[in-house]
Amino acid sequence: MEKSKDKGWSWVVLFGVFVSASLSVGFHQSVGVFFVDWQEDFGISTQAVGWTSSVSMAGFAISGKTIHVQSRLRCVLPYKAKFVH
């Protein structure tokens, strides 16, 4: 069996996924830093500012579950990689 060579693209994909995941989770974890500024800039209550982080985290969690269900039901077509030899 002949081994396929990816010519380093797997590292590029890995780096891209790492950056994307880090930014997504980092944003959700750092919403509290902007809490007081948003409250002062927009003149809204603490409860209204709290909804922004809650809705954002709910969307993040629901999207993960949705993708999991789709993959279990085989709704997502598998990608067949074609390597250049």
Protein backbone atom coordinates (compact mmCIF):
# COMPACT_ATOMS: atom_id res chain seq x y z
CA MET A 1 0.00 0.00 0.00
CA GLU A 2 1.37 3.38 -1.01
CA LYS A 3 1.40 6.14 1.58
CA SER A 4 -0.15 9.45 0.64
CA LYS A 5 1.79 12.62 1.30
CA ASP A 6 -0.11 15.65 2.46
CA LYS A 7 2.88 17.97 2.03
CA GLY A 8 2.33 19.75 5.33
CA TRP A 9 -1.29 20.84 4.83
CA SER A 10 -2.42 18.84 7.84
CA TRP A 11 -0.36 21.20 10.04
CA VAL A 12 -1.98 24.23 8.43
CA VAL A 13 -5.44 22.78 9.11
CA LEU A 14 -4.46 21.90 12.69
CA PHE A 15 -3.19 25.43 13.29
CA GLY A 16 -6.38 26.93 11.83
CA VAL A 17 -8.61 24.77 14.01
CA PHE A 18 -6.52 25.61 17.09
CA VAL A 19 -6.78 29.36 16.44
CA SER A 20 -10.51 29.15 15.72
CA ALA A 21 -11.26 27.12 18.85
CA SER A 22 -9.05 29.36 21.00
CA LEU A 23 -10.76 32.52 19.80
CA SER A 24 -14.24 31.05 20.23
CA VAL A 25 -13.71 29.78 23.75
CA GLY A 26 -11.61 32.82 24.67
CA PHE A 27 -14.39 35.18 23.67
CA HIS A 28 -16.94 33.30 25.75
CA GLN A 29 -14.66 33.26 28.77
CA SER A 30 -13.76 36.97 28.55
CA VAL A 31 -17.22 38.51 28.20
CA GLY A 32 -17.02 39.65 31.83
CA VAL A 33 -14.19 42.02 30.95
CA PHE A 34 -16.56 44.06 28.78
CA PHE A 35 -19.50 43.83 31.19
CA VAL A 36 -19.15 47.25 32.87
CA ASP A 37 -18.17 49.01 29.63
CA TRP A 38 -21.24 47.68 27.80
CA GLN A 39 -23.43 48.66 30.71
CA GLU A 40 -22.10 52.24 30.68
CA ASP A 41 -21.86 52.69 26.90
CA PHE A 42 -25.33 51.39 26.10
CA GLY A 43 -27.00 52.55 29.32
CA ILE A 44 -28.62 49.18 29.97
CA SER A 45 -29.20 47.12 33.08
CA THR A 46 -27.05 44.32 34.44
CA GLN A 47 -29.73 41.83 33.44
CA ALA A 48 -29.70 42.99 29.81
CA VAL A 49 -25.92 42.73 29.61
CA GLY A 50 -26.08 39.27 31.14
CA TRP A 51 -28.36 38.09 28.34
CA THR A 52 -25.65 38.74 25.74
CA SER A 53 -23.26 36.25 27.26
CA SER A 54 -26.04 33.76 28.01
CA VAL A 55 -27.38 33.77 24.46
CA SER A 56 -23.86 33.54 23.05
CA MET A 57 -22.98 30.52 25.21
CA ALA A 58 -26.32 28.86 24.43
CA GLY A 59 -25.67 29.20 20.71
CA PHE A 60 -22.18 27.78 21.16
CA ALA A 61 -23.52 24.77 23.09
CA ILE A 62 -26.51 24.12 20.84
CA SER A 63 -24.42 24.22 17.67
CA GLY A 64 -22.13 21.52 19.04
CA LYS A 65 -25.05 19.27 19.93
CA THR A 66 -26.69 19.89 16.55
CA ILE A 67 -23.55 18.87 14.67
CA HIS A 68 -23.24 15.77 16.86
CA VAL A 69 -26.81 14.69 16.10
CA GLN A 70 -26.34 15.33 12.39
CA SER A 71 -23.19 13.25 12.28
CA ARG A 72 -24.90 10.40 14.17
CA LEU A 73 -27.81 10.46 11.71
CA ARG A 74 -25.40 10.54 8.77
CA CYS A 75 -26.79 13.87 7.57
CA VAL A 76 -23.30 15.20 7.02
CA LEU A 77 -21.68 13.74 3.94
CA PRO A 78 -18.21 12.39 4.58
CA TYR A 79 -15.41 14.21 2.81
CA LYS A 80 -13.15 11.98 0.77
CA ALA A 81 -9.72 13.52 0.47
CA LYS A 82 -7.94 13.21 -2.85
CA PHE A 83 -4.23 13.53 -2.45
CA VAL A 84 -2.02 14.70 -5.27
CA HIS A 85 0.78 12.25 -5.93
